[in-house]
Amino acid sequence: MALLHRITSAALGLGILSVATAAQAEAPGVYYSWRALDVNVSQCLSRASQALAGQDLEDVQTDLNSVGGRTEETTAIFVCLEDQQSTTVMVIVSGANEEAAVSLREALKAGF
């Protein structure tokens, strides 16, 4: 009986160890920035589209108040939120490679 208990405990311990050491994919990082502008949503989306095109993003899609695209390593989106006096533009970039995502965010900000 003691031997059976030891075998069961060892098997359970190995099972827990294998779960604890299993490789897990890291979640992508999300990097963003925003600012208020004296433009309307249409102008904001136009500038955002130009910034995305300037960085050669693919699969660019435009919605009512957003435009986004992707590179091989990252996904980026601009969201334009109109208020009474200004429009707030947010640029959000996500990717597993922090350096590539932050670099793209900064390039999009500069190209906007």
C-alpha atoms as a PDB file:
ATOM      1  CA  MET A   1       0.000   0.000   0.000  1.00  0.00           C
ATOM      2  CA  ALA A   2       2.860   2.388   0.826  1.00  0.00           C
ATOM      3  CA  LEU A   3       4.440   1.648  -2.562  1.00  0.00           C
ATOM      4  CA  LEU A   4       1.183   2.467  -4.356  1.00  0.00           C
ATOM      5  CA  HIS A   5       0.955   5.745  -2.430  1.00  0.00           C
ATOM      6  CA  ARG A   6       4.540   6.676  -3.431  1.00  0.00           C
ATOM      7  CA  ILE A   7       3.915   5.842  -7.087  1.00  0.00           C
ATOM      8  CA  THR A   8       0.710   7.882  -7.089  1.00  0.00           C
ATOM      9  CA  SER A   9       2.459  10.809  -5.398  1.00  0.00           C
ATOM     10  CA  ALA A  10       5.366  10.640  -7.847  1.00  0.00           C
ATOM     11  CA  ALA A  11       3.030  10.520 -10.849  1.00  0.00           C
ATOM     12  CA  LEU A  12       1.026  13.438  -9.519  1.00  0.00           C
ATOM     13  CA  GLY A  13       4.214  15.417  -8.830  1.00  0.00           C
ATOM     14  CA  LEU A  14       5.530  14.786 -12.349  1.00  0.00           C
ATOM     15  CA  GLY A  15       2.181  15.839 -13.791  1.00  0.00           C
ATOM     16  CA  ILE A  16       2.242  19.105 -11.875  1.00  0.00           C
ATOM     17  CA  LEU A  17       5.875  19.692 -12.843  1.00  0.00           C
ATOM     18  CA  SER A  18       5.129  19.135 -16.529  1.00  0.00           C
ATOM     19  CA  VAL A  19       2.312  21.680 -16.407  1.00  0.00           C
ATOM     20  CA  ALA A  20       4.471  24.212 -14.573  1.00  0.00           C
ATOM     21  CA  THR A  21       7.326  23.942 -17.076  1.00  0.00           C
ATOM     22  CA  ALA A  22       5.222  23.906 -20.241  1.00  0.00           C
ATOM     23  CA  ALA A  23       6.172  26.615 -22.705  1.00  0.00           C
ATOM     24  CA  GLN A  24       3.653  29.417 -22.777  1.00  0.00           C
ATOM     25  CA  ALA A  25       3.355  32.091 -25.438  1.00  0.00           C
ATOM     26  CA  GLU A  26       3.650  35.622 -24.147  1.00  0.00           C
ATOM     27  CA  ALA A  27       0.747  37.950 -24.706  1.00  0.00           C
ATOM     28  CA  PRO A  28       1.464  40.800 -27.113  1.00  0.00           C
ATOM     29  CA  GLY A  29       2.253  44.188 -25.666  1.00  0.00           C
ATOM     30  CA  VAL A  30      -0.046  47.146 -26.309  1.00  0.00           C
ATOM     31  CA  TYR A  31       1.468  50.600 -26.780  1.00  0.00           C
ATOM     32  CA  TYR A  32      -0.612  53.731 -27.285  1.00  0.00           C
ATOM     33  CA  SER A  33      -0.539  57.482 -27.456  1.00  0.00           C
ATOM     34  CA  TRP A  34      -3.147  60.205 -27.928  1.00  0.00           C
ATOM     35  CA  ARG A  35      -3.551  63.923 -28.441  1.00  0.00           C
ATOM     36  CA  ALA A  36      -6.275  66.477 -29.191  1.00  0.00           C
ATOM     37  CA  LEU A  37      -6.329  68.217 -32.574  1.00  0.00           C
ATOM     38  CA  ASP A  38      -8.322  71.011 -34.190  1.00  0.00           C
ATOM     39  CA  VAL A  39      -9.590  68.788 -37.040  1.00  0.00           C
ATOM     40  CA  ASN A  40     -12.766  66.838 -37.726  1.00  0.00           C
ATOM     41  CA  VAL A  41     -12.995  63.032 -37.833  1.00  0.00           C
ATOM     42  CA  SER A  42     -12.743  62.907 -41.629  1.00  0.00           C
ATOM     43  CA  GLN A  43      -9.504  64.918 -41.596  1.00  0.00           C
ATOM     44  CA  CYS A  44      -8.183  62.796 -38.730  1.00  0.00           C
ATOM     45  CA  LEU A  45      -8.882  59.566 -40.638  1.00  0.00           C
ATOM     46  CA  SER A  46      -7.233  60.959 -43.762  1.00  0.00           C
ATOM     47  CA  ARG A  47      -4.061  61.834 -41.867  1.00  0.00           C
ATOM     48  CA  ALA A  48      -4.109  58.451 -40.119  1.00  0.00           C
ATOM     49  CA  SER A  49      -4.452  56.630 -43.453  1.00  0.00           C
ATOM     50  CA  GLN A  50      -1.473  58.545 -44.821  1.00  0.00           C
ATOM     51  CA  ALA A  51       0.591  57.661 -41.740  1.00  0.00           C
ATOM     52  CA  LEU A  52      -0.262  53.955 -42.123  1.00  0.00           C
ATOM     53  CA  ALA A  53       0.571  54.049 -45.850  1.00  0.00           C
ATOM     54  CA  GLY A  54       3.883  55.743 -45.044  1.00  0.00           C
ATOM     55  CA  GLN A  55       4.869  52.717 -42.942  1.00  0.00           C
ATOM     56  CA  ASP A  56       3.723  50.172 -45.566  1.00  0.00           C
ATOM     57  CA  LEU A  57       1.045  48.576 -43.395  1.00  0.00           C
ATOM     58  CA  GLU A  58      -1.073  45.914 -45.091  1.00  0.00           C
ATOM     59  CA  ASP A  59      -4.774  45.032 -44.910  1.00  0.00           C
ATOM     60  CA  VAL A  60      -5.671  48.632 -44.086  1.00  0.00           C
ATOM     61  CA  GLN A  61      -9.336  48.907 -43.127  1.00  0.00           C
ATOM     62  CA  THR A  62     -11.361  52.006 -42.328  1.00  0.00           C
ATOM     63  CA  ASP A  63     -14.430  52.150 -40.106  1.00  0.00           C
ATOM     64  CA  LEU A  64     -16.615  55.086 -39.050  1.00  0.00           C
ATOM     65  CA  ASN A  65     -13.991  56.590 -36.758  1.00  0.00           C
ATOM     66  CA  SER A  66     -10.976  54.288 -37.041  1.00  0.00           C
ATOM     67  CA  VAL A  67      -8.425  53.019 -39.514  1.00  0.00           C
ATOM     68  CA  GLY A  68      -5.962  50.212 -38.939  1.00  0.00           C
ATOM     69  CA  GLY A  69      -3.547  47.843 -40.583  1.00  0.00           C
ATOM     70  CA  ARG A  70      -0.773  45.407 -39.837  1.00  0.00           C
ATOM     71  CA  THR A  71       2.818  44.500 -40.535  1.00  0.00           C
ATOM     72  CA  GLU A  72       4.334  41.058 -40.190  1.00  0.00           C
ATOM     73  CA  GLU A  73       4.988  41.656 -36.468  1.00  0.00           C
ATOM     74  CA  THR A  74       2.483  44.298 -35.375  1.00  0.00           C
ATOM     75  CA  THR A  75      -1.073  45.574 -35.650  1.00  0.00           C
ATOM     76  CA  ALA A  76      -1.856  49.289 -35.506  1.00  0.00           C
ATOM     77  CA  ILE A  77      -5.051  51.310 -35.322  1.00  0.00           C
ATOM     78  CA  PHE A  78      -5.900  54.992 -35.180  1.00  0.00           C
ATOM     79  CA  VAL A  79      -9.154  55.972 -33.468  1.00  0.00           C
ATOM     80  CA  CYS A  80     -10.537  59.480 -33.999  1.00  0.00           C
ATOM     81  CA  LEU A  81     -12.993  60.692 -31.352  1.00  0.00           C
ATOM     82  CA  GLU A  82     -14.735  63.982 -32.064  1.00  0.00           C
ATOM     83  CA  ASP A  83     -15.626  66.276 -29.186  1.00  0.00           C
ATOM     84  CA  GLN A  84     -17.310  69.682 -29.262  1.00  0.00           C
ATOM     85  CA  GLN A  85     -14.076  71.638 -29.605  1.00  0.00           C
ATOM     86  CA  SER A  86     -11.537  69.153 -30.967  1.00  0.00           C
ATOM     87  CA  THR A  87     -10.890  65.603 -32.090  1.00  0.00           C
ATOM     88  CA  THR A  88      -8.815  63.232 -29.998  1.00  0.00           C
ATOM     89  CA  VAL A  89      -6.671  60.855 -32.006  1.00  0.00           C
ATOM     90  CA  MET A  90      -5.405  57.667 -30.401  1.00  0.00           C
ATOM     91  CA  VAL A  91      -2.807  55.438 -32.005  1.00  0.00           C
ATOM     92  CA  ILE A  92      -2.638  51.925 -30.604  1.00  0.00           C
ATOM     93  CA  VAL A  93       0.023  49.418 -31.642  1.00  0.00           C
ATOM     94  CA  SER A  94       0.200  45.819 -30.504  1.00  0.00           C
ATOM     95  CA  GLY A  95       2.838  43.170 -31.049  1.00  0.00           C
ATOM     96  CA  ALA A  96       4.927  40.495 -29.379  1.00  0.00           C
ATOM     97  CA  ASN A  97       8.146  42.311 -30.301  1.00  0.00           C
ATOM     98  CA  GLU A  98       8.253  45.374 -28.029  1.00  0.00           C
ATOM     99  CA  GLU A  99      10.987  47.130 -29.983  1.00  0.00           C
ATOM    100  CA  ALA A 100       9.127  46.768 -33.295  1.00  0.00           C
ATOM    101  CA  ALA A 101       5.800  47.860 -31.784  1.00  0.00           C
ATOM    102  CA  VAL A 102       7.192  50.943 -30.043  1.00  0.00           C
ATOM    103  CA  SER A 103       9.200  51.869 -33.139  1.00  0.00           C
ATOM    104  CA  LEU A 104       6.078  51.622 -35.302  1.00  0.00           C
ATOM    105  CA  ARG A 105       4.057  53.691 -32.832  1.00  0.00           C
ATOM    106  CA  GLU A 106       6.668  56.453 -32.891  1.00  0.00           C
ATOM    107  CA  ALA A 107       6.884  56.372 -36.697  1.00  0.00           C
ATOM    108  CA  LEU A 108       3.085  56.593 -36.977  1.00  0.00           C
ATOM    109  CA  LYS A 109       3.006  59.530 -34.562  1.00  0.00           C
ATOM    110  CA  ALA A 110       5.686  61.304 -36.606  1.00  0.00           C
ATOM    111  CA  GLY A 111       3.878  60.527 -39.879  1.00  0.00           C
ATOM    112  CA  PHE A 112       0.541  61.747 -38.613  1.00  0.00           C
END
